[in-house]
PDB file of N, CA and C in Angstrom:
ATOM      1  N   MET A   1       7.931 -71.703 -70.552  1.00  0.00           N
ATOM      2  CA  MET A   1       8.796 -71.318 -69.390  1.00  0.00           C
ATOM      3  C   MET A   1      10.177 -70.968 -69.933  1.00  0.00           C
ATOM      4  N   LYS A   2      10.753 -69.811 -69.453  1.00  0.00           N
ATOM      5  CA  LYS A   2      12.043 -69.320 -69.885  1.00  0.00           C
ATOM      6  C   LYS A   2      13.065 -70.219 -69.321  1.00  0.00           C
ATOM      7  N   ASN A   3      14.260 -70.177 -69.949  1.00  0.00           N
ATOM      8  CA  ASN A   3      15.494 -70.770 -69.385  1.00  0.00           C
ATOM      9  C   ASN A   3      16.197 -69.793 -68.476  1.00  0.00           C
ATOM     10  N   TYR A   4      16.458 -70.236 -67.278  1.00  0.00           N
ATOM     11  CA  TYR A   4      17.141 -69.342 -66.227  1.00  0.00           C
ATOM     12  C   TYR A   4      18.519 -69.880 -65.867  1.00  0.00           C
ATOM     13  N   ASN A   5      19.274 -69.002 -65.387  1.00  0.00           N
ATOM     14  CA  ASN A   5      20.533 -69.341 -64.842  1.00  0.00           C
ATOM     15  C   ASN A   5      20.675 -68.557 -63.505  1.00  0.00           C
ATOM     16  N   PHE A   6      20.315 -69.217 -62.492  1.00  0.00           N
ATOM     17  CA  PHE A   6      20.222 -68.596 -61.075  1.00  0.00           C
ATOM     18  C   PHE A   6      21.561 -68.777 -60.313  1.00  0.00           C
ATOM     19  N   ASP A   7      21.874 -67.767 -59.581  1.00  0.00           N
ATOM     20  CA  ASP A   7      22.954 -67.719 -58.646  1.00  0.00           C
ATOM     21  C   ASP A   7      22.813 -68.314 -57.337  1.00  0.00           C
ATOM     22  N   THR A   8      21.575 -68.153 -56.787  1.00  0.00           N
ATOM     23  CA  THR A   8      21.201 -68.645 -55.471  1.00  0.00           C
ATOM     24  C   THR A   8      19.863 -69.386 -55.421  1.00  0.00           C
ATOM     25  N   LEU A   9      19.684 -70.191 -54.436  1.00  0.00           N
ATOM     26  CA  LEU A   9      18.460 -70.890 -54.235  1.00  0.00           C
ATOM     27  C   LEU A   9      17.297 -70.058 -53.947  1.00  0.00           C
ATOM     28  N   SER A  10      17.431 -69.017 -53.227  1.00  0.00           N
ATOM     29  CA  SER A  10      16.337 -68.044 -53.025  1.00  0.00           C
ATOM     30  C   SER A  10      16.024 -67.268 -54.223  1.00  0.00           C
ATOM     31  N   GLU A  11      17.017 -66.945 -55.065  1.00  0.00           N
ATOM     32  CA  GLU A  11      16.688 -66.267 -56.385  1.00  0.00           C
ATOM     33  C   GLU A  11      15.827 -67.099 -57.251  1.00  0.00           C
ATOM     34  N   ALA A  12      16.170 -68.409 -57.275  1.00  0.00           N
ATOM     35  CA  ALA A  12      15.369 -69.420 -58.108  1.00  0.00           C
ATOM     36  C   ALA A  12      13.963 -69.500 -57.665  1.00  0.00           C
ATOM     37  N   VAL A  13      13.789 -69.677 -56.258  1.00  0.00           N
ATOM     38  CA  VAL A  13      12.381 -69.844 -55.765  1.00  0.00           C
ATOM     39  C   VAL A  13      11.627 -68.515 -55.977  1.00  0.00           C
ATOM     40  N   ASN A  14      12.274 -67.428 -55.628  1.00  0.00           N
ATOM     41  CA  ASN A  14      11.485 -66.128 -55.908  1.00  0.00           C
ATOM     42  C   ASN A  14      11.113 -65.862 -57.291  1.00  0.00           C
ATOM     43  N   THR A  15      12.003 -66.157 -58.257  1.00  0.00           N
ATOM     44  CA  THR A  15      11.684 -65.943 -59.654  1.00  0.00           C
ATOM     45  C   THR A  15      10.653 -66.869 -60.177  1.00  0.00           C
ATOM     46  N   LEU A  16      10.693 -68.144 -59.897  1.00  0.00           N
ATOM     47  CA  LEU A  16       9.729 -69.154 -60.228  1.00  0.00           C
ATOM     48  C   LEU A  16       8.450 -68.774 -59.645  1.00  0.00           C
ATOM     49  N   THR A  17       8.378 -68.301 -58.481  1.00  0.00           N
ATOM     50  CA  THR A  17       7.044 -67.924 -57.740  1.00  0.00           C
ATOM     51  C   THR A  17       6.446 -66.748 -58.400  1.00  0.00           C
ATOM     52  N   GLN A  18       7.273 -65.688 -58.565  1.00  0.00           N
ATOM     53  CA  GLN A  18       6.760 -64.407 -58.952  1.00  0.00           C
ATOM     54  C   GLN A  18       6.559 -64.209 -60.415  1.00  0.00           C
ATOM     55  N   GLU A  19       7.459 -64.819 -61.210  1.00  0.00           N
ATOM     56  CA  GLU A  19       7.454 -64.614 -62.697  1.00  0.00           C
ATOM     57  C   GLU A  19       6.768 -65.747 -63.460  1.00  0.00           C
ATOM     58  N   GLU A  20       6.817 -66.999 -62.881  1.00  0.00           N
ATOM     59  CA  GLU A  20       6.299 -68.144 -63.565  1.00  0.00           C
ATOM     60  C   GLU A  20       5.114 -68.733 -62.895  1.00  0.00           C
ATOM     61  N   ASP A  21       4.665 -68.163 -61.822  1.00  0.00           N
ATOM     62  CA  ASP A  21       3.481 -68.688 -61.103  1.00  0.00           C
ATOM     63  C   ASP A  21       3.540 -70.025 -60.488  1.00  0.00           C
ATOM     64  N   PHE A  22       4.759 -70.401 -60.030  1.00  0.00           N
ATOM     65  CA  PHE A  22       4.891 -71.623 -59.291  1.00  0.00           C
ATOM     66  C   PHE A  22       4.657 -71.314 -57.806  1.00  0.00           C
ATOM     67  N   THR A  23       3.443 -71.140 -57.427  1.00  0.00           N
ATOM     68  CA  THR A  23       3.081 -70.564 -56.147  1.00  0.00           C
ATOM     69  C   THR A  23       2.859 -71.573 -55.009  1.00  0.00           C
ATOM     70  N   GLU A  24       2.837 -72.866 -55.334  1.00  0.00           N
ATOM     71  CA  GLU A  24       2.637 -73.917 -54.297  1.00  0.00           C
ATOM     72  C   GLU A  24       4.021 -74.382 -53.871  1.00  0.00           C
ATOM     73  N   ASP A  25       4.037 -74.798 -52.582  1.00  0.00           N
ATOM     74  CA  ASP A  25       5.318 -75.449 -52.080  1.00  0.00           C
ATOM     75  C   ASP A  25       4.969 -76.876 -51.945  1.00  0.00           C
ATOM     76  N   PHE A  26       5.749 -77.742 -52.662  1.00  0.00           N
ATOM     77  CA  PHE A  26       5.542 -79.141 -52.568  1.00  0.00           C
ATOM     78  C   PHE A  26       6.521 -79.783 -51.585  1.00  0.00           C
ATOM     79  N   GLU A  27       6.177 -80.879 -50.883  1.00  0.00           N
ATOM     80  CA  GLU A  27       7.022 -81.545 -49.995  1.00  0.00           C
ATOM     81  C   GLU A  27       6.754 -83.019 -50.210  1.00  0.00           C
ATOM     82  N   ALA A  28       7.923 -83.887 -50.207  1.00  0.00           N
ATOM     83  CA  ALA A  28       7.771 -85.255 -50.446  1.00  0.00           C
ATOM     84  C   ALA A  28       7.706 -85.944 -49.095  1.00  0.00           C
ATOM     85  N   GLU A  29       6.496 -86.395 -48.813  1.00  0.00           N
ATOM     86  CA  GLU A  29       6.301 -87.046 -47.489  1.00  0.00           C
ATOM     87  C   GLU A  29       6.471 -88.601 -47.692  1.00  0.00           C
ATOM     88  N   GLU A  30       6.096 -89.337 -46.718  1.00  0.00           N
ATOM     89  CA  GLU A  30       6.312 -90.828 -46.737  1.00  0.00           C
ATOM     90  C   GLU A  30       5.626 -91.502 -47.938  1.00  0.00           C
ATOM     91  N   ASN A  31       4.395 -91.227 -48.145  1.00  0.00           N
ATOM     92  CA  ASN A  31       3.646 -91.876 -49.265  1.00  0.00           C
ATOM     93  C   ASN A  31       3.126 -91.026 -50.392  1.00  0.00           C
ATOM     94  N   SER A  32       3.365 -89.696 -50.251  1.00  0.00           N
ATOM     95  CA  SER A  32       2.783 -88.793 -51.320  1.00  0.00           C
ATOM     96  C   SER A  32       3.599 -87.493 -51.333  1.00  0.00           C
ATOM     97  N   ILE A  33       3.366 -86.696 -52.417  1.00  0.00           N
ATOM     98  CA  ILE A  33       3.893 -85.343 -52.521  1.00  0.00           C
ATOM     99  C   ILE A  33       2.823 -84.414 -52.089  1.00  0.00           C
ATOM    100  N   LYS A  34       2.996 -83.686 -51.094  1.00  0.00           N
ATOM    101  CA  LYS A  34       1.964 -82.826 -50.618  1.00  0.00           C
ATOM    102  C   LYS A  34       2.182 -81.360 -50.988  1.00  0.00           C
ATOM    103  N   ALA A  35       1.163 -80.706 -51.383  1.00  0.00           N
ATOM    104  CA  ALA A  35       1.044 -79.293 -51.633  1.00  0.00           C
ATOM    105  C   ALA A  35       0.753 -78.612 -50.321  1.00  0.00           C
ATOM    106  N   LEU A  36       1.663 -77.845 -49.733  1.00  0.00           N
ATOM    107  CA  LEU A  36       1.527 -77.384 -48.448  1.00  0.00           C
ATOM    108  C   LEU A  36       0.424 -76.258 -48.276  1.00  0.00           C
ATOM    109  N   TYR A  37       0.183 -75.440 -49.218  1.00  0.00           N
ATOM    110  CA  TYR A  37      -0.878 -74.513 -49.136  1.00  0.00           C
ATOM    111  C   TYR A  37      -2.251 -75.073 -49.344  1.00  0.00           C
ATOM    112  N   SER A  38      -2.498 -75.799 -50.433  1.00  0.00           N
ATOM    113  CA  SER A  38      -3.797 -76.333 -50.723  1.00  0.00           C
ATOM    114  C   SER A  38      -4.077 -77.638 -50.015  1.00  0.00           C
ATOM    115  N   LYS A  39      -3.072 -78.177 -49.335  1.00  0.00           N
ATOM    116  CA  LYS A  39      -3.172 -79.554 -48.645  1.00  0.00           C
ATOM    117  C   LYS A  39      -3.513 -80.683 -49.574  1.00  0.00           C
ATOM    118  N   LYS A  40      -3.437 -80.525 -50.874  1.00  0.00           N
ATOM    119  CA  LYS A  40      -3.588 -81.609 -51.756  1.00  0.00           C
ATOM    120  C   LYS A  40      -2.381 -82.574 -51.672  1.00  0.00           C
ATOM    121  N   GLU A  41      -2.789 -83.868 -51.999  1.00  0.00           N
ATOM    122  CA  GLU A  41      -1.736 -84.822 -51.977  1.00  0.00           C
ATOM    123  C   GLU A  41      -1.666 -85.444 -53.430  1.00  0.00           C
ATOM    124  N   TYR A  42      -0.481 -85.823 -53.879  1.00  0.00           N
ATOM    125  CA  TYR A  42      -0.288 -86.347 -55.200  1.00  0.00           C
ATOM    126  C   TYR A  42       0.648 -87.430 -55.163  1.00  0.00           C
ATOM    127  N   HIS A  43       0.381 -88.422 -56.166  1.00  0.00           N
ATOM    128  CA  HIS A  43       1.289 -89.445 -56.372  1.00  0.00           C
ATOM    129  C   HIS A  43       2.320 -89.006 -57.450  1.00  0.00           C
ATOM    130  N   PRO A  44       3.466 -89.447 -57.507  1.00  0.00           N
ATOM    131  CA  PRO A  44       4.532 -88.956 -58.470  1.00  0.00           C
ATOM    132  C   PRO A  44       4.047 -88.978 -59.952  1.00  0.00           C
ATOM    133  N   ASN A  45       3.204 -89.941 -60.305  1.00  0.00           N
ATOM    134  CA  ASN A  45       2.729 -90.013 -61.679  1.00  0.00           C
ATOM    135  C   ASN A  45       1.696 -88.936 -62.094  1.00  0.00           C
ATOM    136  N   GLU A  46       1.281 -88.151 -61.045  1.00  0.00           N
ATOM    137  CA  GLU A  46       0.324 -87.080 -61.221  1.00  0.00           C
ATOM    138  C   GLU A  46       1.027 -85.733 -61.352  1.00  0.00           C
ATOM    139  N   LEU A  47       2.431 -85.779 -61.258  1.00  0.00           N
ATOM    140  CA  LEU A  47       3.258 -84.618 -61.348  1.00  0.00           C
ATOM    141  C   LEU A  47       4.240 -84.701 -62.569  1.00  0.00           C
ATOM    142  N   LYS A  48       4.799 -83.550 -62.895  1.00  0.00           N
ATOM    143  CA  LYS A  48       5.864 -83.531 -63.945  1.00  0.00           C
ATOM    144  C   LYS A  48       6.877 -82.517 -63.556  1.00  0.00           C
ATOM    145  N   ILE A  49       8.126 -82.843 -63.589  1.00  0.00           N
ATOM    146  CA  ILE A  49       9.212 -81.917 -63.305  1.00  0.00           C
ATOM    147  C   ILE A  49       9.479 -81.143 -64.599  1.00  0.00           C
ATOM    148  N   LEU A  50       9.149 -79.824 -64.605  1.00  0.00           N
ATOM    149  CA  LEU A  50       9.338 -79.020 -65.784  1.00  0.00           C
ATOM    150  C   LEU A  50      10.799 -78.558 -65.890  1.00  0.00           C
ATOM    151  N   SER A  51      11.412 -78.304 -64.728  1.00  0.00           N
ATOM    152  CA  SER A  51      12.860 -77.855 -64.775  1.00  0.00           C
ATOM    153  C   SER A  51      13.426 -78.032 -63.354  1.00  0.00           C
ATOM    154  N   SER A  52      14.704 -78.102 -63.247  1.00  0.00           N
ATOM    155  CA  SER A  52      15.429 -78.221 -62.007  1.00  0.00           C
ATOM    156  C   SER A  52      16.616 -77.367 -61.987  1.00  0.00           C
ATOM    157  N   TYR A  53      17.100 -76.926 -60.852  1.00  0.00           N
ATOM    158  CA  TYR A  53      18.159 -76.077 -60.679  1.00  0.00           C
ATOM    159  C   TYR A  53      18.996 -76.515 -59.419  1.00  0.00           C
ATOM    160  N   ARG A  54      20.225 -76.781 -59.667  1.00  0.00           N
ATOM    161  CA  ARG A  54      21.090 -77.425 -58.527  1.00  0.00           C
ATOM    162  C   ARG A  54      22.095 -76.335 -58.012  1.00  0.00           C
ATOM    163  N   PHE A  55      22.270 -76.256 -56.741  1.00  0.00           N
ATOM    164  CA  PHE A  55      23.109 -75.350 -56.073  1.00  0.00           C
ATOM    165  C   PHE A  55      24.058 -75.922 -55.186  1.00  0.00           C
ATOM    166  N   GLU A  56      25.269 -75.417 -55.002  1.00  0.00           N
ATOM    167  CA  GLU A  56      26.268 -76.015 -53.978  1.00  0.00           C
ATOM    168  C   GLU A  56      26.293 -74.836 -52.945  1.00  0.00           C
ATOM    169  N   GLY A  57      26.606 -75.242 -51.642  1.00  0.00           N
ATOM    170  CA  GLY A  57      26.792 -74.327 -50.572  1.00  0.00           C
ATOM    171  C   GLY A  57      27.809 -73.374 -50.803  1.00  0.00           C
ATOM    172  N   MET A  58      27.786 -72.182 -50.226  1.00  0.00           N
ATOM    173  CA  MET A  58      28.821 -71.170 -50.422  1.00  0.00           C
ATOM    174  C   MET A  58      30.225 -71.535 -49.706  1.00  0.00           C
ATOM    175  N   THR A  59      29.976 -72.089 -48.491  1.00  0.00           N
ATOM    176  CA  THR A  59      31.122 -72.370 -47.786  1.00  0.00           C
ATOM    177  C   THR A  59      31.470 -73.803 -47.737  1.00  0.00           C
ATOM    178  N   ASN A  60      30.554 -74.782 -48.075  1.00  0.00           N
ATOM    179  CA  ASN A  60      30.812 -76.152 -48.194  1.00  0.00           C
ATOM    180  C   ASN A  60      30.129 -76.670 -49.364  1.00  0.00           C
ATOM    181  N   PRO A  61      30.836 -77.168 -50.388  1.00  0.00           N
ATOM    182  CA  PRO A  61      30.261 -77.704 -51.693  1.00  0.00           C
ATOM    183  C   PRO A  61      29.391 -78.918 -51.380  1.00  0.00           C
ATOM    184  N   ASN A  62      29.552 -79.536 -50.263  1.00  0.00           N
ATOM    185  CA  ASN A  62      28.645 -80.763 -49.918  1.00  0.00           C
ATOM    186  C   ASN A  62      27.259 -80.351 -49.487  1.00  0.00           C
ATOM    187  N   ASP A  63      27.112 -79.138 -49.210  1.00  0.00           N
ATOM    188  CA  ASP A  63      25.818 -78.576 -48.773  1.00  0.00           C
ATOM    189  C   ASP A  63      25.071 -78.252 -50.205  1.00  0.00           C
ATOM    190  N   GLN A  64      24.614 -79.296 -50.842  1.00  0.00           N
ATOM    191  CA  GLN A  64      23.968 -79.077 -52.117  1.00  0.00           C
ATOM    192  C   GLN A  64      22.380 -79.174 -51.935  1.00  0.00           C
ATOM    193  N   SER A  65      21.810 -78.458 -52.938  1.00  0.00           N
ATOM    194  CA  SER A  65      20.267 -78.437 -52.864  1.00  0.00           C
ATOM    195  C   SER A  65      19.823 -78.297 -54.367  1.00  0.00           C
ATOM    196  N   THR A  66      18.632 -78.784 -54.605  1.00  0.00           N
ATOM    197  CA  THR A  66      18.019 -78.611 -55.967  1.00  0.00           C
ATOM    198  C   THR A  66      16.591 -78.110 -55.780  1.00  0.00           C
ATOM    199  N   VAL A  67      16.266 -77.165 -56.629  1.00  0.00           N
ATOM    200  CA  VAL A  67      14.924 -76.672 -56.744  1.00  0.00           C
ATOM    201  C   VAL A  67      14.288 -77.285 -57.953  1.00  0.00           C
ATOM    202  N   PHE A  68      13.128 -77.911 -57.742  1.00  0.00           N
ATOM    203  CA  PHE A  68      12.363 -78.545 -58.881  1.00  0.00           C
ATOM    204  C   PHE A  68      11.127 -77.723 -59.107  1.00  0.00           C
ATOM    205  N   ALA A  69      10.906 -77.282 -60.342  1.00  0.00           N
ATOM    206  CA  ALA A  69       9.685 -76.653 -60.804  1.00  0.00           C
ATOM    207  C   ALA A  69       8.726 -77.702 -61.248  1.00  0.00           C
ATOM    208  N   ILE A  70       7.626 -77.851 -60.600  1.00  0.00           N
ATOM    209  CA  ILE A  70       6.623 -79.020 -60.736  1.00  0.00           C
ATOM    210  C   ILE A  70       5.298 -78.521 -61.192  1.00  0.00           C
ATOM    211  N   GLU A  71       4.663 -79.235 -61.999  1.00  0.00           N
ATOM    212  CA  GLU A  71       3.336 -78.998 -62.444  1.00  0.00           C
ATOM    213  C   GLU A  71       2.486 -80.254 -62.240  1.00  0.00           C
ATOM    214  N   ALA A  72       1.423 -80.181 -61.625  1.00  0.00           N
ATOM    215  CA  ALA A  72       0.434 -81.312 -61.376  1.00  0.00           C
ATOM    216  C   ALA A  72      -0.490 -81.429 -62.642  1.00  0.00           C
ATOM    217  N   LYS A  73      -1.049 -82.640 -62.761  1.00  0.00           N
ATOM    218  CA  LYS A  73      -2.010 -82.766 -63.826  1.00  0.00           C
ATOM    219  C   LYS A  73      -3.201 -81.915 -63.744  1.00  0.00           C
ATOM    220  N   ASP A  74      -3.566 -81.442 -62.512  1.00  0.00           N
ATOM    221  CA  ASP A  74      -4.641 -80.576 -62.282  1.00  0.00           C
ATOM    222  C   ASP A  74      -4.344 -79.025 -62.536  1.00  0.00           C
ATOM    223  N   GLY A  75      -3.122 -78.860 -62.948  1.00  0.00           N
ATOM    224  CA  GLY A  75      -2.688 -77.469 -63.254  1.00  0.00           C
ATOM    225  C   GLY A  75      -1.914 -76.689 -62.197  1.00  0.00           C
ATOM    226  N   THR A  76      -1.954 -77.314 -60.913  1.00  0.00           N
ATOM    227  CA  THR A  76      -1.199 -76.673 -59.789  1.00  0.00           C
ATOM    228  C   THR A  76       0.338 -76.686 -60.146  1.00  0.00           C
ATOM    229  N   LYS A  77       0.939 -75.467 -59.848  1.00  0.00           N
ATOM    230  CA  LYS A  77       2.324 -75.397 -60.154  1.00  0.00           C
ATOM    231  C   LYS A  77       3.014 -74.835 -58.853  1.00  0.00           C
ATOM    232  N   GLY A  78       4.238 -75.564 -58.618  1.00  0.00           N
ATOM    233  CA  GLY A  78       4.905 -75.124 -57.436  1.00  0.00           C
ATOM    234  C   GLY A  78       6.350 -75.631 -57.456  1.00  0.00           C
ATOM    235  N   THR A  79       7.059 -75.344 -56.402  1.00  0.00           N
ATOM    236  CA  THR A  79       8.429 -75.742 -56.250  1.00  0.00           C
ATOM    237  C   THR A  79       8.585 -76.785 -55.148  1.00  0.00           C
ATOM    238  N   LEU A  80       9.667 -77.552 -55.309  1.00  0.00           N
ATOM    239  CA  LEU A  80      10.084 -78.516 -54.287  1.00  0.00           C
ATOM    240  C   LEU A  80      11.546 -78.390 -54.077  1.00  0.00           C
ATOM    241  N   VAL A  81      11.949 -78.070 -52.884  1.00  0.00           N
ATOM    242  CA  VAL A  81      13.431 -77.890 -52.630  1.00  0.00           C
ATOM    243  C   VAL A  81      13.926 -79.142 -51.943  1.00  0.00           C
ATOM    244  N   MET A  82      14.926 -79.701 -52.574  1.00  0.00           N
ATOM    245  CA  MET A  82      15.534 -80.914 -52.030  1.00  0.00           C
ATOM    246  C   MET A  82      16.881 -80.518 -51.528  1.00  0.00           C
ATOM    247  N   SER A  83      17.123 -80.732 -50.239  1.00  0.00           N
ATOM    248  CA  SER A  83      18.545 -80.518 -49.717  1.00  0.00           C
ATOM    249  C   SER A  83      19.159 -81.854 -49.566  1.00  0.00           C
ATOM    250  N   TYR A  84      20.517 -81.930 -49.830  1.00  0.00           N
ATOM    251  CA  TYR A  84      21.226 -83.150 -49.900  1.00  0.00           C
ATOM    252  C   TYR A  84      22.089 -83.292 -48.537  1.00  0.00           C
ATOM    253  N   SER A  85      21.697 -82.429 -47.553  1.00  0.00           N
ATOM    254  CA  SER A  85      22.315 -82.575 -46.251  1.00  0.00           C
ATOM    255  C   SER A  85      21.785 -83.742 -45.470  1.00  0.00           C
ATOM    256  N   ALA A  86      22.417 -84.133 -44.413  1.00  0.00           N
ATOM    257  CA  ALA A  86      21.979 -85.263 -43.666  1.00  0.00           C
ATOM    258  C   ALA A  86      20.686 -84.860 -42.944  1.00  0.00           C
ATOM    259  N   GLU A  87      20.303 -83.596 -42.808  1.00  0.00           N
ATOM    260  CA  GLU A  87      19.100 -83.252 -42.031  1.00  0.00           C
ATOM    261  C   GLU A  87      17.860 -82.986 -42.814  1.00  0.00           C
ATOM    262  N   HIS A  88      17.852 -83.413 -44.116  1.00  0.00           N
ATOM    263  CA  HIS A  88      16.626 -83.182 -44.875  1.00  0.00           C
ATOM    264  C   HIS A  88      15.474 -84.183 -44.422  1.00  0.00           C
ATOM    265  N   SER A  89      14.256 -83.884 -44.723  1.00  0.00           N
ATOM    266  CA  SER A  89      13.204 -84.797 -44.346  1.00  0.00           C
ATOM    267  C   SER A  89      12.376 -85.229 -45.649  1.00  0.00           C
ATOM    268  N   GLN A  90      12.869 -84.984 -46.850  1.00  0.00           N
ATOM    269  CA  GLN A  90      12.170 -85.319 -48.082  1.00  0.00           C
ATOM    270  C   GLN A  90      12.321 -86.874 -48.373  1.00  0.00           C
ATOM    271  N   ASN A  91      11.326 -87.372 -48.932  1.00  0.00           N
ATOM    272  CA  ASN A  91      11.372 -88.823 -49.372  1.00  0.00           C
ATOM    273  C   ASN A  91      12.005 -88.739 -50.793  1.00  0.00           C
ATOM    274  N   VAL A  92      13.347 -89.018 -50.853  1.00  0.00           N
ATOM    275  CA  VAL A  92      14.089 -88.944 -52.106  1.00  0.00           C
ATOM    276  C   VAL A  92      13.568 -89.954 -53.086  1.00  0.00           C
ATOM    277  N   GLU A  93      13.276 -91.140 -52.765  1.00  0.00           N
ATOM    278  CA  GLU A  93      12.726 -92.090 -53.657  1.00  0.00           C
ATOM    279  C   GLU A  93      11.439 -91.672 -54.366  1.00  0.00           C
ATOM    280  N   LEU A  94      10.515 -91.042 -53.623  1.00  0.00           N
ATOM    281  CA  LEU A  94       9.363 -90.502 -54.196  1.00  0.00           C
ATOM    282  C   LEU A  94       9.621 -89.428 -55.239  1.00  0.00           C
ATOM    283  N   ILE A  95      10.568 -88.549 -54.887  1.00  0.00           N
ATOM    284  CA  ILE A  95      10.939 -87.439 -55.845  1.00  0.00           C
ATOM    285  C   ILE A  95      11.518 -88.052 -57.172  1.00  0.00           C
ATOM    286  N   ARG A  96      12.298 -89.148 -57.059  1.00  0.00           N
ATOM    287  CA  ARG A  96      12.942 -89.752 -58.190  1.00  0.00           C
ATOM    288  C   ARG A  96      11.824 -90.306 -59.100  1.00  0.00           C
ATOM    289  N   GLN A  97      10.667 -90.622 -58.534  1.00  0.00           N
ATOM    290  CA  GLN A  97       9.580 -91.239 -59.386  1.00  0.00           C
ATOM    291  C   GLN A  97       8.834 -90.262 -60.235  1.00  0.00           C
ATOM    292  N   ILE A  98       8.980 -88.900 -59.901  1.00  0.00           N
ATOM    293  CA  ILE A  98       8.275 -87.945 -60.689  1.00  0.00           C
ATOM    294  C   ILE A  98       8.803 -87.812 -62.009  1.00  0.00           C
ATOM    295  N   PRO A  99       8.107 -88.001 -63.068  1.00  0.00           N
ATOM    296  CA  PRO A  99       8.585 -87.919 -64.474  1.00  0.00           C
ATOM    297  C   PRO A  99       9.144 -86.506 -64.762  1.00  0.00           C
ATOM    298  N   ASN A 100      10.128 -86.471 -65.621  1.00  0.00           N
ATOM    299  CA  ASN A 100      10.645 -85.159 -66.176  1.00  0.00           C
ATOM    300  C   ASN A 100       9.799 -84.819 -67.483  1.00  0.00           C
ATOM    301  N   LYS A 101       9.910 -83.558 -67.745  1.00  0.00           N
ATOM    302  CA  LYS A 101       9.192 -82.940 -68.915  1.00  0.00           C
ATOM    303  C   LYS A 101       9.639 -83.774 -70.192  1.00  0.00           C
ATOM    304  N   LYS A 102      10.901 -84.177 -70.166  1.00  0.00           N
ATOM    305  CA  LYS A 102      11.564 -84.836 -71.391  1.00  0.00           C
ATOM    306  C   LYS A 102      10.946 -86.246 -71.525  1.00  0.00           C
ATOM    307  N   ASP A 103      10.484 -86.797 -70.494  1.00  0.00           N
ATOM    308  CA  ASP A 103      10.014 -88.293 -70.520  1.00  0.00           C
ATOM    309  C   ASP A 103       8.751 -88.408 -71.314  1.00  0.00           C
TER     310      ASP A 103
END
């Protein structure tokens, strides 16, 4: 995987999807990480974060988000977008349990 320097969240997701084949969308639910297209569910130890990209909001630096490029042990690759606003619905603790490529 190439090293990227993205300016926007949408640029990151589009590039990872189109150029690196991270075609699945992951979402951290209450007890598992769900792949939204295939409907597969994963435990954090079945996934690995290959890279992550953090962004600050254009008008409010507190509107931060991170895009994680994730690969499952079964070869499924996708992105997970974590917003740090009060309105996000991701299970942050579950995301923190996903090992990084460096681990």
